[in-house]
């Protein structure tokens, strides 16, 4: 089975920065995409950023110009650099990966989530 392990969440002041990381491990044949979702209290989960095999990236309009997604394919790891953080960025951030496993069909896997709190 595939496991995603996230790190880097925490408490930061408005205008500050955080860097999230997510490492995928397990019986992985290929990864089509890795990215980040977030869910704030009382809100629906939304896509924050995704990187897709072939090199394309997509961002939510609310984070464009502030967040940057990157990946290290050799380590099956994706990063989210978050700058100029705002209180409205406060949410649980969850990593996901679109994975094709050895002798297993393609499917999405999810990390446990990491809390990001932006507050004075």
C-alpha atoms as a PDB file:
ATOM      1  CA  UNK A   1       0.000   0.000   0.000  1.00  0.00           C
ATOM      2  CA  UNK A   2       0.992   3.630  -0.488  1.00  0.00           C
ATOM      3  CA  UNK A   3       1.515   6.004   2.406  1.00  0.00           C
ATOM      4  CA  UNK A   4       1.756   9.792   2.324  1.00  0.00           C
ATOM      5  CA  UNK A   5       3.496  11.542   5.204  1.00  0.00           C
ATOM      6  CA  UNK A   6       3.148  15.307   5.589  1.00  0.00           C
ATOM      7  CA  UNK A   7       5.168  17.751   7.631  1.00  0.00           C
ATOM      8  CA  UNK A   8       5.738  21.471   8.020  1.00  0.00           C
ATOM      9  CA  UNK A   9       2.471  22.786   9.380  1.00  0.00           C
ATOM     10  CA  UNK A  10       2.266  25.074  12.350  1.00  0.00           C
ATOM     11  CA  UNK A  11       1.421  28.512  13.659  1.00  0.00           C
ATOM     12  CA  UNK A  12       2.656  31.563  11.789  1.00  0.00           C
ATOM     13  CA  UNK A  13       1.924  35.285  11.852  1.00  0.00           C
ATOM     14  CA  UNK A  14       0.209  37.025   8.940  1.00  0.00           C
ATOM     15  CA  UNK A  15       2.745  37.765   6.245  1.00  0.00           C
ATOM     16  CA  UNK A  16       4.908  34.869   7.314  1.00  0.00           C
ATOM     17  CA  UNK A  17       5.933  31.740   5.474  1.00  0.00           C
ATOM     18  CA  UNK A  18       5.715  27.993   5.862  1.00  0.00           C
ATOM     19  CA  UNK A  19       6.966  25.116   3.767  1.00  0.00           C
ATOM     20  CA  UNK A  20       4.962  21.908   3.671  1.00  0.00           C
ATOM     21  CA  UNK A  21       6.343  18.623   2.467  1.00  0.00           C
ATOM     22  CA  UNK A  22       4.750  15.317   1.583  1.00  0.00           C
ATOM     23  CA  UNK A  23       6.605  12.103   0.885  1.00  0.00           C
ATOM     24  CA  UNK A  24       4.981   9.124  -0.782  1.00  0.00           C
ATOM     25  CA  UNK A  25       6.251   5.644  -0.053  1.00  0.00           C
ATOM     26  CA  UNK A  26       5.218   2.081  -0.675  1.00  0.00           C
ATOM     27  CA  UNK A  27       4.601  -0.057  -3.713  1.00  0.00           C
ATOM     28  CA  UNK A  28       4.587   2.703  -6.307  1.00  0.00           C
ATOM     29  CA  UNK A  29       4.860   2.083 -10.009  1.00  0.00           C
ATOM     30  CA  UNK A  30       4.232   5.643 -11.111  1.00  0.00           C
ATOM     31  CA  UNK A  31       2.752   8.886  -9.850  1.00  0.00           C
ATOM     32  CA  UNK A  32       0.595  10.885 -12.217  1.00  0.00           C
ATOM     33  CA  UNK A  33       0.069  13.856  -9.933  1.00  0.00           C
ATOM     34  CA  UNK A  34       0.738  15.112  -6.423  1.00  0.00           C
ATOM     35  CA  UNK A  35      -0.738  18.120  -4.743  1.00  0.00           C
ATOM     36  CA  UNK A  36      -2.400  19.800  -1.825  1.00  0.00           C
ATOM     37  CA  UNK A  37      -5.952  20.373  -0.706  1.00  0.00           C
ATOM     38  CA  UNK A  38      -7.100  22.376   2.278  1.00  0.00           C
ATOM     39  CA  UNK A  39     -10.217  22.544   4.396  1.00  0.00           C
ATOM     40  CA  UNK A  40     -11.066  25.336   6.798  1.00  0.00           C
ATOM     41  CA  UNK A  41     -13.655  24.965   9.572  1.00  0.00           C
ATOM     42  CA  UNK A  42     -17.137  25.095   8.122  1.00  0.00           C
ATOM     43  CA  UNK A  43     -15.800  25.114   4.572  1.00  0.00           C
ATOM     44  CA  UNK A  44     -15.619  22.584   1.796  1.00  0.00           C
ATOM     45  CA  UNK A  45     -12.299  21.094   0.850  1.00  0.00           C
ATOM     46  CA  UNK A  46     -10.621  22.941  -1.992  1.00  0.00           C
ATOM     47  CA  UNK A  47      -7.702  22.281  -4.272  1.00  0.00           C
ATOM     48  CA  UNK A  48      -4.735  24.494  -3.454  1.00  0.00           C
ATOM     49  CA  UNK A  49      -2.090  23.373  -5.919  1.00  0.00           C
ATOM     50  CA  UNK A  50      -1.165  20.360  -7.983  1.00  0.00           C
ATOM     51  CA  UNK A  51       1.785  19.251 -10.055  1.00  0.00           C
ATOM     52  CA  UNK A  52       1.160  16.804 -12.863  1.00  0.00           C
ATOM     53  CA  UNK A  53       3.560  14.476 -14.629  1.00  0.00           C
ATOM     54  CA  UNK A  54       4.868  16.282 -17.650  1.00  0.00           C
ATOM     55  CA  UNK A  55       5.607  19.410 -15.669  1.00  0.00           C
ATOM     56  CA  UNK A  56       2.353  21.317 -15.483  1.00  0.00           C
ATOM     57  CA  UNK A  57       1.128  22.999 -12.310  1.00  0.00           C
ATOM     58  CA  UNK A  58      -2.185  24.493 -11.275  1.00  0.00           C
ATOM     59  CA  UNK A  59      -3.082  26.802  -8.410  1.00  0.00           C
ATOM     60  CA  UNK A  60      -6.208  28.087  -6.793  1.00  0.00           C
ATOM     61  CA  UNK A  61      -6.764  31.734  -7.661  1.00  0.00           C
ATOM     62  CA  UNK A  62      -6.594  32.646  -3.991  1.00  0.00           C
ATOM     63  CA  UNK A  63      -2.974  31.492  -3.667  1.00  0.00           C
ATOM     64  CA  UNK A  64      -1.495  32.454  -7.025  1.00  0.00           C
ATOM     65  CA  UNK A  65       1.589  34.578  -6.588  1.00  0.00           C
ATOM     66  CA  UNK A  66       1.990  33.520  -2.963  1.00  0.00           C
ATOM     67  CA  UNK A  67       2.298  29.732  -3.004  1.00  0.00           C
ATOM     68  CA  UNK A  68       4.657  27.592  -5.051  1.00  0.00           C
ATOM     69  CA  UNK A  69       4.401  23.855  -5.534  1.00  0.00           C
ATOM     70  CA  UNK A  70       7.446  21.809  -6.440  1.00  0.00           C
ATOM     71  CA  UNK A  71       8.478  18.187  -6.397  1.00  0.00           C
ATOM     72  CA  UNK A  72      11.443  15.883  -6.127  1.00  0.00           C
ATOM     73  CA  UNK A  73      10.565  12.930  -8.312  1.00  0.00           C
ATOM     74  CA  UNK A  74      13.501  10.845  -7.106  1.00  0.00           C
ATOM     75  CA  UNK A  75      12.117  11.035  -3.571  1.00  0.00           C
ATOM     76  CA  UNK A  76       8.413  10.943  -4.500  1.00  0.00           C
ATOM     77  CA  UNK A  77       8.059  14.142  -2.547  1.00  0.00           C
ATOM     78  CA  UNK A  78       6.040  17.287  -3.138  1.00  0.00           C
ATOM     79  CA  UNK A  79       6.513  20.645  -1.438  1.00  0.00           C
ATOM     80  CA  UNK A  80       4.327  23.667  -0.940  1.00  0.00           C
ATOM     81  CA  UNK A  81       6.116  26.922  -0.229  1.00  0.00           C
ATOM     82  CA  UNK A  82       3.608  29.323   1.294  1.00  0.00           C
ATOM     83  CA  UNK A  83       4.539  32.994   1.468  1.00  0.00           C
ATOM     84  CA  UNK A  84       2.625  36.109   2.467  1.00  0.00           C
ATOM     85  CA  UNK A  85       0.265  34.001   4.519  1.00  0.00           C
ATOM     86  CA  UNK A  86      -3.130  35.398   5.436  1.00  0.00           C
ATOM     87  CA  UNK A  87      -5.546  34.426   8.214  1.00  0.00           C
ATOM     88  CA  UNK A  88      -7.878  33.027   5.572  1.00  0.00           C
ATOM     89  CA  UNK A  89      -5.175  30.492   4.696  1.00  0.00           C
ATOM     90  CA  UNK A  90      -5.829  28.817   8.040  1.00  0.00           C
ATOM     91  CA  UNK A  91      -6.901  25.249   7.331  1.00  0.00           C
ATOM     92  CA  UNK A  92      -5.941  21.624   7.482  1.00  0.00           C
ATOM     93  CA  UNK A  93      -3.745  20.972   4.472  1.00  0.00           C
ATOM     94  CA  UNK A  94      -3.831  17.466   3.044  1.00  0.00           C
ATOM     95  CA  UNK A  95      -1.479  15.941   0.550  1.00  0.00           C
ATOM     96  CA  UNK A  96      -2.762  13.710  -2.199  1.00  0.00           C
ATOM     97  CA  UNK A  97      -1.165  11.596  -4.861  1.00  0.00           C
ATOM     98  CA  UNK A  98      -2.585   9.972  -7.958  1.00  0.00           C
ATOM     99  CA  UNK A  99      -0.716   6.680  -7.890  1.00  0.00           C
ATOM    100  CA  UNK A 100      -0.397   3.599 -10.040  1.00  0.00           C
ATOM    101  CA  UNK A 101       0.875   0.781  -7.860  1.00  0.00           C
ATOM    102  CA  UNK A 102       2.629  -2.405  -8.770  1.00  0.00           C
ATOM    103  CA  UNK A 103      -0.143  -4.794  -9.795  1.00  0.00           C
ATOM    104  CA  UNK A 104      -2.708  -2.288  -8.561  1.00  0.00           C
ATOM    105  CA  UNK A 105      -4.988   0.132 -10.355  1.00  0.00           C
ATOM    106  CA  UNK A 106      -4.508   3.853 -10.402  1.00  0.00           C
ATOM    107  CA  UNK A 107      -6.146   5.685  -7.500  1.00  0.00           C
ATOM    108  CA  UNK A 108      -5.810   8.658  -5.187  1.00  0.00           C
ATOM    109  CA  UNK A 109      -4.069   8.424  -1.824  1.00  0.00           C
ATOM    110  CA  UNK A 110      -4.306  10.956   0.979  1.00  0.00           C
ATOM    111  CA  UNK A 111      -2.102  12.078   3.812  1.00  0.00           C
ATOM    112  CA  UNK A 112      -3.335  12.557   7.348  1.00  0.00           C
ATOM    113  CA  UNK A 113      -3.398  16.345   7.076  1.00  0.00           C
ATOM    114  CA  UNK A 114      -1.322  19.034   8.738  1.00  0.00           C
ATOM    115  CA  UNK A 115      -2.719  22.103  10.482  1.00  0.00           C
ATOM    116  CA  UNK A 116      -1.710  25.545   9.261  1.00  0.00           C
ATOM    117  CA  UNK A 117      -2.794  28.430  11.466  1.00  0.00           C
ATOM    118  CA  UNK A 118      -2.160  32.047  10.490  1.00  0.00           C
ATOM    119  CA  UNK A 119      -2.796  34.351  13.418  1.00  0.00           C
ATOM    120  CA  UNK A 120      -1.327  37.257  15.340  1.00  0.00           C
END
